[in-house]
Amino acid sequence: MDRLKNSQHRAEHISEILKAPAHPVRLRILAILCDGAENVSTLAARLDAAQSLISQHLRVMRSHGLVVPHRRGSLVFYALAGERLKSLIRYLDDCP
C-alpha cells in the first residue's frame, strides 16, 4: 500500500479504475461474473437490458482491465480479470 500512500499519480490511476465499476449496471455485471464467465446475451437477459447497453458497459470495464474476453466458438464470454476483483466485489456486497 506504500505506492498508493506515496504517489499522487498512483492515486489518480486507481481513482480512474474505480470509476469503471461505479455504475449500477456495471457493478451488477461484475457481481454476476463473480460466479463465472458469461456472454453478452446471457448478461442482457439476467439484467433485463439491451445487449448493446451491456456491450457498452463491458467495453468500459475491459478498457480499465476489469474484465477479459474469451472466445468460445462464435460467442465471446467475459470473465473477471482476477481473483482480487472478486474479493472487492464481495466486500462491496457486504457493505451496509
Protein backbone atom coordinates (compact mmCIF):
# COMPACT_ATOMS: atom_id res chain seq x y z
CA MET A 1 0.00 0.00 0.00
CA ASP A 2 3.06 2.24 0.13
CA ARG A 3 2.77 3.02 -3.59
CA LEU A 4 -0.71 4.44 -3.06
CA LYS A 5 0.29 6.40 0.04
CA ASN A 6 3.33 7.93 -1.60
CA SER A 7 2.26 8.60 -5.18
CA GLN A 8 -0.27 11.11 -6.43
CA HIS A 9 -0.01 9.51 -9.89
CA ARG A 10 -0.86 6.08 -8.43
CA ALA A 11 -3.84 7.55 -6.52
CA GLU A 12 -5.14 9.19 -9.71
CA HIS A 13 -4.71 5.94 -11.65
CA ILE A 14 -6.61 3.89 -9.06
CA SER A 15 -9.30 6.56 -8.90
CA GLU A 16 -9.85 6.20 -12.66
CA ILE A 17 -10.08 2.42 -12.34
CA LEU A 18 -12.66 2.75 -9.54
CA LYS A 19 -14.88 4.88 -11.76
CA ALA A 20 -15.48 1.89 -14.05
CA PRO A 21 -17.45 -0.23 -11.55
CA ALA A 22 -19.10 2.86 -10.04
CA HIS A 23 -22.21 2.42 -12.17
CA PRO A 24 -25.12 0.23 -11.02
CA VAL A 25 -25.27 -1.85 -14.21
CA ARG A 26 -21.51 -2.37 -14.32
CA LEU A 27 -21.45 -3.30 -10.65
CA ARG A 28 -24.19 -5.88 -11.24
CA ILE A 29 -22.31 -7.28 -14.25
CA LEU A 30 -19.21 -7.70 -12.11
CA ALA A 31 -21.26 -9.41 -9.40
CA ILE A 32 -22.66 -11.87 -11.95
CA LEU A 33 -19.17 -12.53 -13.33
CA CYS A 34 -18.03 -13.46 -9.80
CA ASP A 35 -19.88 -16.73 -10.44
CA GLY A 36 -18.12 -17.34 -13.76
CA ALA A 37 -17.79 -16.15 -17.34
CA GLU A 38 -20.92 -15.14 -19.27
CA ASN A 39 -21.69 -13.92 -22.76
CA VAL A 40 -23.41 -10.65 -23.62
CA SER A 41 -26.81 -12.17 -24.35
CA THR A 42 -26.91 -14.05 -21.05
CA LEU A 43 -25.91 -10.91 -19.15
CA ALA A 44 -28.54 -8.88 -21.01
CA ALA A 45 -31.24 -11.41 -20.14
CA ARG A 46 -30.24 -11.57 -16.48
CA LEU A 47 -30.18 -7.79 -16.19
CA ASP A 48 -33.24 -7.21 -18.39
CA ALA A 49 -31.22 -4.80 -20.53
CA ALA A 50 -30.42 -4.40 -24.20
CA GLN A 51 -27.38 -6.29 -25.49
CA SER A 52 -25.97 -3.07 -26.91
CA LEU A 53 -26.07 -1.47 -23.44
CA ILE A 54 -24.33 -4.47 -21.87
CA SER A 55 -21.70 -4.42 -24.63
CA GLN A 56 -21.01 -0.73 -23.94
CA HIS A 57 -20.56 -1.38 -20.23
CA LEU A 58 -18.29 -4.35 -20.91
CA ARG A 59 -16.20 -2.18 -23.24
CA VAL A 60 -15.67 0.37 -20.45
CA MET A 61 -14.68 -2.31 -17.97
CA ARG A 62 -12.43 -4.03 -20.49
CA SER A 63 -10.61 -0.75 -21.19
CA HIS A 64 -9.90 -0.44 -17.45
CA GLY A 65 -8.67 -4.02 -17.19
CA LEU A 66 -11.56 -5.30 -15.08
CA VAL A 67 -12.89 -7.95 -17.46
CA VAL A 68 -11.28 -10.12 -20.12
CA PRO A 69 -12.93 -11.65 -23.18
CA HIS A 70 -12.59 -15.30 -24.18
CA ARG A 71 -13.92 -16.67 -27.45
CA ARG A 72 -15.78 -19.99 -27.36
CA GLY A 73 -16.78 -20.85 -30.88
CA SER A 74 -18.75 -17.93 -32.25
CA LEU A 75 -19.53 -16.47 -28.80
CA VAL A 76 -17.42 -14.15 -26.67
CA PHE A 77 -17.54 -14.76 -22.94
CA TYR A 78 -16.39 -12.22 -20.39
CA ALA A 79 -14.74 -13.03 -17.08
CA LEU A 80 -13.32 -11.05 -14.20
CA ALA A 81 -9.71 -10.08 -14.77
CA GLY A 82 -8.60 -11.54 -11.44
CA GLU A 83 -9.46 -13.01 -8.08
CA ARG A 84 -8.71 -9.74 -6.29
CA LEU A 85 -11.57 -8.09 -8.14
CA LYS A 86 -13.89 -10.87 -6.98
CA SER A 87 -12.79 -10.16 -3.39
CA LEU A 88 -13.51 -6.45 -3.88
CA ILE A 89 -17.00 -7.11 -5.27
CA ARG A 90 -17.77 -9.48 -2.40
CA TYR A 91 -16.53 -6.87 0.06
CA LEU A 92 -18.75 -4.23 -1.51
CA ASP A 93 -21.73 -6.60 -1.39
CA ASP A 94 -21.23 -6.88 2.38
CA CYS A 95 -21.37 -3.11 2.88
CA PRO A 96 -24.32 -1.91 4.97
